[in-house]
Amino acid sequence: MVLLSQATPANNCDHKKVKQELNHKRIYLSPPHMGDKEMEYVAEAFQSNWIAPLGPHVEAFEKSIADYLHIGYCTAVNSGTAALHLALILLDVQQDDHVICPSFTFSASANPILYQKAVPVFVDSESDTWNMDPQLLEDAVKFSISKNKKPKAIIIVHLYGMPANMDALMKIANQYEIPVIEDAAESLGSTYRQQHTGTFGTMGILSFNGNKIITTSGGGALVSDHQDMIVKAKFLATQARDKAPHYQHSAVGYNYRLSNICAAIGRGQMTLLDDRVQQRRKNFDFYRSAFANFNGISFLDEPEGYFSNRWLTTCLIDETAGITPEQIRLRLEAENIESRPLWKPLHLQPIFEHYPSFLNGISAAHFSKGFCLPSGSALTTGELSRISSIITNALGGS
């Protein structure tokens, strides 16, 4: 009895300590979420000693991506940025050529334009999806043509998983006969009128970075219905090695291909993609419901015919909320919870601010009011409640 009575307070203390540790466990914005198949495929790669380069998992991963998207061809590379760079090379983008790009996106959507020493022409957003504004796109096309610089490409981004207005954007691209590269890095699993993002343009690019809806730790893919483009992309991404028994090169090549190990992870992740999309969408529904009765906080709805993977749950917080997005971010960070502002528009970035831009003020306004909530597909009900409770208190709730 003495031993039991001595143990009980210690156990109570342990329970309190565990609870306290759980309440302060770091919650990340969008961490990787592993399943069981990944280890099985990685173990196969180790057992065969087929670690790198390439290997059977790469081919199987490429097939799974193409099959999922209902597109003809795919090449897996080591990043979405590499895929975009290859796409620009395949479209013969060279020094001083114009390439149109949305301003409201991550810098990786525009950096490869500079790799080619070309000129990015930035286009602002429309309010329905936060993606490229069709009218401003046409203005940008006409501007470039007036400078005798008809754009070599239009890069369309599906921001935070929300599809862009592809009917209107593709109509303009087709009218002026300009190839489209879809940056679907954030939108794998999203559809526009039941067609997957990344499959409307000449080429599409995907990202499997650690924060994306599925991951290969680091990786990406280039997809297209044009077989010749994917064949050439694979050639360029594998150091442009000519067919010869020795190492011979007739073109500049790149070390861009994905390893067999990373592809093994990707194969496992692909089996879970639809589940990950549903979980991210549940996160969005939870947050929207949790803050429905508060003034000054709003969420982006899906227009009819659009299906977003809700990669990140984003919102706008205006002055009627009585608190700024940055104040909320700091309160969450004080509780060991990661959150983030929306992307800073590229036309406001020091590296891009001197390039042409066609603006309506939407992306800049959204940057000042926008907020990304923790959106990992493994978030528990308790973690979601913890996050919403902190924000509710910040918004003046009980």
Protein backbone atom coordinates (compact mmCIF):
# COMPACT_ATOMS: atom_id res chain seq x y z
CA MET A 1 0.00 0.00 0.00
CA VAL A 2 2.86 2.31 0.81
CA LEU A 3 4.47 1.63 -2.54
CA LEU A 4 1.17 2.28 -4.36
CA SER A 5 0.54 5.55 -2.54
CA GLN A 6 4.08 6.68 -3.30
CA ALA A 7 3.74 5.84 -6.98
CA THR A 8 0.42 7.59 -7.55
CA PRO A 9 1.65 11.20 -7.24
CA ALA A 10 4.58 10.40 -9.52
CA ASN A 11 2.23 8.93 -12.14
CA ASN A 12 -0.01 11.99 -11.93
CA CYS A 13 3.02 14.20 -12.44
CA ASP A 14 4.05 12.10 -15.42
CA HIS A 15 0.59 12.46 -16.98
CA LYS A 16 0.67 16.22 -16.49
CA LYS A 17 4.14 16.38 -18.02
CA VAL A 18 3.08 14.34 -21.06
CA LYS A 19 -0.02 16.52 -21.53
CA GLN A 20 2.10 19.64 -21.25
CA GLU A 21 4.59 18.31 -23.80
CA LEU A 22 1.77 17.47 -26.23
CA ASN A 23 0.34 20.96 -25.86
CA HIS A 24 3.71 22.41 -26.83
CA LYS A 25 4.62 19.92 -29.55
CA ARG A 26 5.71 21.76 -32.70
CA ILE A 27 2.99 21.95 -35.35
CA TYR A 28 4.41 22.63 -38.78
CA LEU A 29 2.71 24.41 -41.66
CA SER A 30 2.77 21.46 -44.09
CA PRO A 31 5.04 18.58 -43.03
CA PRO A 32 5.56 15.28 -44.87
CA HIS A 33 3.05 12.52 -44.12
CA MET A 34 4.38 9.02 -44.66
CA GLY A 35 2.47 5.76 -45.05
CA ASP A 36 3.55 2.11 -45.13
CA LYS A 37 4.23 1.47 -48.81
CA GLU A 38 7.11 3.96 -48.93
CA MET A 39 9.33 1.80 -46.71
CA GLU A 40 8.42 -1.31 -48.67
CA TYR A 41 9.52 0.25 -51.95
CA VAL A 42 12.64 1.80 -50.43
CA ALA A 43 13.58 -1.58 -48.96
CA GLU A 44 13.26 -3.10 -52.44
CA ALA A 45 15.69 -0.51 -53.76
CA PHE A 46 18.20 -1.26 -51.00
CA GLN A 47 17.90 -5.02 -51.44
CA SER A 48 18.58 -4.71 -55.17
CA ASN A 49 21.36 -2.17 -54.51
CA TRP A 50 19.65 0.02 -57.11
CA ILE A 51 20.07 3.27 -55.22
CA ALA A 52 20.97 5.72 -57.96
CA PRO A 53 20.95 6.77 -60.68
CA LEU A 54 17.47 6.10 -61.98
CA GLY A 55 16.14 2.55 -61.74
CA PRO A 56 12.85 0.63 -61.93
CA HIS A 57 11.11 2.75 -59.29
CA VAL A 58 11.66 5.87 -61.38
CA GLU A 59 9.89 4.35 -64.37
CA ALA A 60 7.07 3.01 -62.18
CA PHE A 61 6.70 6.39 -60.46
CA GLU A 62 6.52 8.18 -63.80
CA LYS A 63 3.84 5.77 -65.01
CA SER A 64 1.79 6.24 -61.83
CA ILE A 65 1.87 10.03 -62.30
CA ALA A 66 0.89 9.87 -65.97
CA ASP A 67 -1.89 7.38 -65.24
CA TYR A 68 -3.25 9.49 -62.39
CA LEU A 69 -3.30 12.67 -64.48
CA HIS A 70 -4.57 10.88 -67.63
CA ILE A 71 -1.71 12.34 -69.62
CA GLY A 72 0.61 10.65 -72.08
CA TYR A 73 4.14 11.10 -70.76
CA CYS A 74 6.11 12.01 -67.66
CA THR A 75 9.72 12.44 -66.64
CA ALA A 76 10.67 12.56 -62.96
CA VAL A 77 13.33 15.08 -61.97
CA ASN A 78 14.89 16.33 -58.77
CA SER A 79 12.67 19.41 -58.29
CA GLY A 80 9.73 21.30 -59.71
CA THR A 81 12.15 24.12 -60.50
CA ALA A 82 14.22 21.75 -62.66
CA ALA A 83 11.05 20.67 -64.47
CA LEU A 84 10.15 24.29 -65.20
CA HIS A 85 13.67 25.05 -66.39
CA LEU A 86 13.54 22.12 -68.79
CA ALA A 87 10.15 23.27 -70.08
CA LEU A 88 11.57 26.69 -70.93
CA ILE A 89 14.56 25.12 -72.68
CA LEU A 90 12.25 22.88 -74.71
CA LEU A 91 10.32 25.97 -75.81
CA ASP A 92 13.59 27.60 -76.92
CA VAL A 93 13.40 30.46 -74.42
CA GLN A 94 16.59 32.46 -74.82
CA GLN A 95 18.18 35.70 -73.70
CA ASP A 96 15.83 38.72 -73.80
CA ASP A 97 12.79 36.63 -74.76
CA HIS A 98 9.58 37.49 -72.89
CA VAL A 99 7.86 34.93 -70.68
CA ILE A 100 4.60 35.80 -68.91
CA CYS A 101 4.27 34.72 -65.29
CA PRO A 102 1.82 35.46 -62.47
CA SER A 103 3.08 37.83 -59.80
CA PHE A 104 1.23 36.09 -56.96
CA THR A 105 3.37 32.96 -56.59
CA PHE A 106 6.57 31.58 -55.12
CA SER A 107 9.80 32.79 -56.74
CA ALA A 108 10.52 29.33 -58.17
CA SER A 109 7.81 30.03 -60.77
CA ALA A 110 9.96 32.83 -62.21
CA ASN A 111 13.57 31.97 -61.34
CA PRO A 112 14.03 29.62 -64.32
CA ILE A 113 13.10 32.51 -66.62
CA LEU A 114 16.19 34.27 -65.32
CA TYR A 115 18.26 31.09 -65.72
CA GLN A 116 17.63 31.53 -69.45
CA LYS A 117 18.42 35.27 -69.21
CA ALA A 118 14.91 35.96 -70.45
CA VAL A 119 12.51 38.68 -69.29
CA PRO A 120 9.63 37.83 -66.94
CA VAL A 121 6.47 39.87 -67.53
CA PHE A 122 4.30 39.72 -64.42
CA VAL A 123 0.52 39.58 -64.36
CA ASP A 124 -1.66 40.24 -61.32
CA SER A 125 -4.52 38.12 -59.96
CA GLU A 126 -8.28 38.00 -60.23
CA SER A 127 -10.35 37.73 -57.04
CA ASP A 128 -12.28 34.51 -57.75
CA THR A 129 -9.26 32.18 -57.56
CA TRP A 130 -6.32 34.53 -56.78
CA ASN A 131 -4.72 33.25 -59.98
CA MET A 132 -3.71 35.04 -63.19
CA ASP A 133 -6.21 37.64 -64.39
CA PRO A 134 -7.24 36.89 -68.02
CA GLN A 135 -7.73 40.53 -69.05
CA LEU A 136 -4.34 41.52 -67.67
CA LEU A 137 -2.82 38.50 -69.41
CA GLU A 138 -4.05 39.80 -72.75
CA ASP A 139 -2.74 43.27 -71.91
CA ALA A 140 0.67 41.74 -71.18
CA VAL A 141 0.66 39.77 -74.44
CA LYS A 142 -0.16 42.90 -76.44
CA PHE A 143 2.57 44.82 -74.62
CA SER A 144 5.19 42.22 -75.49
CA ILE A 145 4.06 42.03 -79.09
CA SER A 146 4.29 45.84 -79.32
CA LYS A 147 7.95 45.49 -78.32
CA ASN A 148 8.50 42.86 -81.03
CA LYS A 149 8.85 40.32 -78.22
CA LYS A 150 5.92 37.98 -78.64
CA PRO A 151 6.04 35.82 -75.49
CA LYS A 152 7.75 32.47 -75.89
CA ALA A 153 5.60 31.02 -73.10
CA ILE A 154 2.88 31.73 -70.56
CA ILE A 155 3.38 30.18 -67.13
CA ILE A 156 0.08 29.62 -65.32
CA VAL A 157 0.18 28.80 -61.61
CA HIS A 158 -2.60 27.07 -59.65
CA LEU A 159 -2.04 28.90 -56.38
CA TYR A 160 -2.37 27.01 -53.09
CA GLY A 161 -4.12 24.22 -55.00
CA MET A 162 -6.92 26.35 -56.47
CA PRO A 163 -7.18 25.88 -60.25
CA ALA A 164 -6.84 28.95 -62.43
CA ASN A 165 -9.57 30.02 -64.86
CA MET A 166 -8.27 27.75 -67.59
CA ASP A 167 -11.02 28.36 -70.14
CA ALA A 168 -10.34 32.10 -70.27
CA LEU A 169 -6.57 31.82 -70.01
CA MET A 170 -6.21 29.08 -72.62
CA LYS A 171 -8.49 31.00 -75.00
CA ILE A 172 -6.02 33.92 -74.93
CA ALA A 173 -2.98 31.65 -75.23
CA ASN A 174 -4.51 29.84 -78.19
CA GLN A 175 -5.64 33.07 -79.84
CA TYR A 176 -2.07 34.39 -79.84
CA GLU A 177 -0.51 30.93 -80.38
CA ILE A 178 1.64 31.04 -77.25
CA PRO A 179 2.59 27.76 -75.49
CA VAL A 180 1.39 27.32 -71.91
CA ILE A 181 3.40 25.79 -69.09
CA GLU A 182 1.23 24.93 -66.09
CA ASP A 183 2.94 25.26 -62.73
CA ALA A 184 0.89 22.68 -60.84
CA ALA A 185 3.47 22.36 -58.06
CA GLU A 186 0.84 23.16 -55.42
CA SER A 187 -2.18 21.59 -57.10
CA LEU A 188 -1.62 17.86 -57.62
CA GLY A 189 -5.06 16.31 -57.15
CA SER A 190 -6.93 19.48 -58.14
CA THR A 191 -9.22 19.56 -61.17
CA TYR A 192 -10.84 22.15 -63.41
CA ARG A 193 -14.08 20.95 -64.98
CA GLN A 194 -13.01 17.39 -64.04
CA GLN A 195 -9.64 17.67 -65.82
CA HIS A 196 -6.46 17.55 -63.76
CA THR A 197 -4.38 20.69 -63.43
CA GLY A 198 -1.10 20.37 -65.27
CA THR A 199 -2.72 18.76 -68.31
CA PHE A 200 -4.20 21.75 -70.18
CA GLY A 201 -1.04 23.35 -71.54
CA THR A 202 1.83 22.19 -73.70
CA MET A 203 3.58 20.98 -70.54
CA GLY A 204 2.84 20.80 -66.82
CA ILE A 205 5.20 20.72 -63.88
CA LEU A 206 4.79 19.12 -60.47
CA SER A 207 6.72 19.40 -57.21
CA PHE A 208 7.32 16.74 -54.57
CA ASN A 209 9.18 18.96 -52.13
CA GLY A 210 8.82 18.07 -48.45
CA ASN A 211 5.98 20.54 -47.90
CA LYS A 212 3.82 19.43 -50.83
CA ILE A 213 0.70 17.27 -50.67
CA ILE A 214 2.89 14.22 -51.40
CA THR A 215 6.67 14.16 -51.28
CA THR A 216 9.75 12.31 -52.48
CA SER A 217 11.80 14.40 -49.99
CA GLY A 218 12.84 16.53 -52.94
CA GLY A 219 11.66 15.99 -56.48
CA GLY A 220 9.43 17.05 -59.31
CA ALA A 221 8.08 16.00 -62.68
CA LEU A 222 7.46 17.31 -66.17
CA VAL A 223 4.34 15.99 -67.90
CA SER A 224 3.00 16.37 -71.43
CA ASP A 225 1.04 14.70 -74.19
CA HIS A 226 3.95 15.54 -76.51
CA GLN A 227 6.19 12.47 -76.46
CA ASP A 228 9.05 14.21 -78.25
CA MET A 229 9.27 16.85 -75.53
CA ILE A 230 9.42 14.32 -72.71
CA VAL A 231 12.03 12.24 -74.55
CA LYS A 232 14.19 15.34 -75.01
CA ALA A 233 13.62 16.42 -71.41
CA LYS A 234 14.91 13.06 -70.17
CA PHE A 235 17.94 13.37 -72.41
CA LEU A 236 18.77 16.89 -71.18
CA ALA A 237 18.11 15.98 -67.55
CA THR A 238 20.58 13.08 -67.74
CA GLN A 239 23.57 15.27 -68.65
CA ALA A 240 22.62 15.13 -72.36
CA ARG A 241 24.70 12.01 -72.86
CA ASP A 242 24.76 10.86 -76.49
CA LYS A 243 24.31 7.20 -77.37
CA ALA A 244 27.91 5.99 -77.36
CA PRO A 245 29.99 3.48 -75.36
CA HIS A 246 32.02 6.41 -74.06
CA TYR A 247 30.81 9.68 -72.55
CA GLN A 248 29.98 11.95 -75.47
CA HIS A 249 27.98 15.17 -75.33
CA SER A 250 26.67 17.32 -78.18
CA ALA A 251 24.46 19.56 -76.06
CA VAL A 252 24.52 21.19 -72.64
CA GLY A 253 23.02 18.78 -70.12
CA TYR A 254 21.80 18.94 -66.55
CA ASN A 255 21.96 16.67 -63.53
CA TYR A 256 18.20 16.84 -63.00
CA ARG A 257 16.95 13.25 -62.87
CA LEU A 258 15.32 11.72 -59.80
CA SER A 259 17.05 8.92 -57.90
CA ASN A 260 15.59 5.43 -57.54
CA ILE A 261 15.31 5.90 -53.76
CA CYS A 262 13.34 9.14 -54.03
CA ALA A 263 11.11 7.59 -56.67
CA ALA A 264 10.44 4.64 -54.35
CA ILE A 265 9.14 7.08 -51.75
CA GLY A 266 7.03 8.75 -54.42
CA ARG A 267 5.45 5.45 -55.49
CA GLY A 268 4.28 4.87 -51.95
CA GLN A 269 3.00 8.42 -51.64
CA MET A 270 1.00 8.17 -54.87
CA THR A 271 -1.09 5.35 -53.37
CA LEU A 272 -2.22 7.80 -50.69
CA LEU A 273 -2.74 10.93 -52.79
CA ASP A 274 -6.53 10.91 -52.84
CA ASP A 275 -6.61 10.37 -49.07
CA ARG A 276 -4.20 13.27 -48.56
CA VAL A 277 -6.41 15.53 -50.69
CA GLN A 278 -9.47 14.63 -48.65
CA GLN A 279 -7.66 15.30 -45.37
CA ARG A 280 -6.46 18.71 -46.56
CA ARG A 281 -9.99 19.57 -47.63
CA LYS A 282 -11.26 18.52 -44.18
CA ASN A 283 -8.75 20.91 -42.62
CA PHE A 284 -10.17 23.72 -44.74
CA ASP A 285 -13.74 22.85 -43.73
CA PHE A 286 -12.75 22.74 -40.06
CA TYR A 287 -11.14 26.19 -40.11
CA ARG A 288 -13.94 27.79 -42.10
CA SER A 289 -16.50 26.43 -39.65
CA ALA A 290 -14.42 27.37 -36.60
CA PHE A 291 -14.18 31.04 -37.63
CA ALA A 292 -17.55 31.41 -39.35
CA ASN A 293 -18.95 33.74 -36.71
CA PHE A 294 -16.02 36.15 -36.57
CA ASN A 295 -15.88 39.43 -38.44
CA GLY A 296 -12.96 40.19 -40.71
CA ILE A 297 -11.85 36.66 -41.62
CA SER A 298 -12.78 35.10 -44.98
CA PHE A 299 -11.89 32.02 -46.99
CA LEU A 300 -11.61 31.41 -50.74
CA ASP A 301 -14.57 29.43 -52.07
CA GLU A 302 -14.43 27.06 -55.04
CA PRO A 303 -16.19 28.45 -58.10
CA GLU A 304 -18.51 26.00 -59.86
CA GLY A 305 -16.52 23.38 -61.76
CA TYR A 306 -13.36 23.89 -59.68
CA PHE A 307 -11.96 21.30 -57.25
CA SER A 308 -9.03 22.36 -55.07
CA ASN A 309 -6.77 20.00 -53.18
CA ARG A 310 -6.60 22.75 -50.51
CA TRP A 311 -2.86 22.15 -50.22
CA LEU A 312 -2.74 25.03 -47.77
CA THR A 313 -5.76 26.53 -46.05
CA THR A 314 -5.50 30.26 -46.65
CA CYS A 315 -7.63 33.16 -45.48
CA LEU A 316 -7.86 36.94 -45.54
CA ILE A 317 -7.96 38.92 -42.29
CA ASP A 318 -9.08 42.52 -42.67
CA GLU A 319 -9.12 45.46 -40.27
CA THR A 320 -12.57 44.59 -38.88
CA ALA A 321 -11.01 41.55 -37.20
CA GLY A 322 -9.23 43.91 -34.80
CA ILE A 323 -5.94 42.06 -35.22
CA THR A 324 -3.43 41.69 -38.05
CA PRO A 325 -2.27 38.46 -39.68
CA GLU A 326 1.22 39.10 -38.32
CA GLN A 327 -0.09 39.39 -34.76
CA ILE A 328 -1.86 36.05 -35.18
CA ARG A 329 1.28 34.49 -36.64
CA LEU A 330 3.31 35.65 -33.63
CA ARG A 331 0.73 34.30 -31.19
CA LEU A 332 0.84 30.92 -32.88
CA GLU A 333 4.63 30.94 -32.99
CA ALA A 334 4.69 31.66 -29.25
CA GLU A 335 2.79 28.37 -28.88
CA ASN A 336 5.24 26.51 -31.15
CA ILE A 337 2.90 26.51 -34.15
CA GLU A 338 4.13 27.43 -37.63
CA SER A 339 2.01 29.63 -39.91
CA ARG A 340 2.91 32.02 -42.70
CA PRO A 341 1.82 35.06 -44.72
CA LEU A 342 0.67 34.56 -48.29
CA TRP A 343 3.34 34.74 -50.99
CA LYS A 344 4.84 38.17 -51.41
CA PRO A 345 4.05 39.16 -55.02
CA LEU A 346 7.01 38.89 -57.34
CA HIS A 347 6.64 42.42 -58.67
CA LEU A 348 7.40 43.57 -55.09
CA GLN A 349 10.50 41.39 -54.74
CA PRO A 350 13.88 43.16 -55.05
CA ILE A 351 15.13 40.70 -57.68
CA PHE A 352 12.07 41.18 -59.91
CA GLU A 353 10.79 44.69 -59.22
CA HIS A 354 12.33 46.27 -62.34
CA TYR A 355 10.62 43.89 -64.80
CA PRO A 356 7.37 44.73 -66.61
CA SER A 357 4.19 44.08 -64.63
CA PHE A 358 0.47 44.44 -65.24
CA LEU A 359 -1.27 45.13 -61.95
CA ASN A 360 -4.69 45.64 -60.43
CA GLY A 361 -3.67 45.70 -56.76
CA ILE A 362 -5.20 42.35 -55.81
CA SER A 363 -2.02 40.39 -55.08
CA ALA A 364 -0.51 43.25 -53.05
CA ALA A 365 -3.72 43.66 -51.04
CA HIS A 366 -3.97 39.92 -50.41
CA PHE A 367 -0.34 39.81 -49.31
CA SER A 368 -1.06 42.46 -46.68
CA LYS A 369 -4.15 40.63 -45.39
CA GLY A 370 -3.45 37.01 -46.23
CA PHE A 371 -2.58 34.14 -43.94
CA CYS A 372 -1.65 30.45 -44.33
CA LEU A 373 -2.90 28.17 -41.55
CA PRO A 374 -1.23 24.89 -40.54
CA SER A 375 -2.51 22.41 -43.12
CA GLY A 376 -0.71 19.09 -42.73
CA SER A 377 -2.69 16.01 -43.71
CA ALA A 378 -1.75 14.31 -40.42
CA LEU A 379 -3.21 17.05 -38.19
CA THR A 380 -5.26 15.56 -35.37
CA THR A 381 -8.57 16.87 -34.08
CA GLY A 382 -6.77 17.94 -30.92
CA GLU A 383 -4.15 19.87 -32.87
CA LEU A 384 -6.77 21.60 -34.98
CA SER A 385 -8.67 22.54 -31.83
CA ARG A 386 -5.48 23.85 -30.25
CA ILE A 387 -4.78 26.04 -33.29
CA SER A 388 -8.34 27.35 -33.56
CA SER A 389 -8.52 28.08 -29.84
CA ILE A 390 -5.44 30.32 -29.98
CA ILE A 391 -6.79 32.18 -33.01
CA THR A 392 -10.27 32.45 -31.49
CA ASN A 393 -8.77 34.10 -28.41
CA ALA A 394 -6.76 36.41 -30.63
CA LEU A 395 -9.92 37.40 -32.49
CA GLY A 396 -11.59 38.27 -29.21
CA GLY A 397 -13.56 35.11 -28.66
CA SER A 398 -14.12 33.46 -25.34
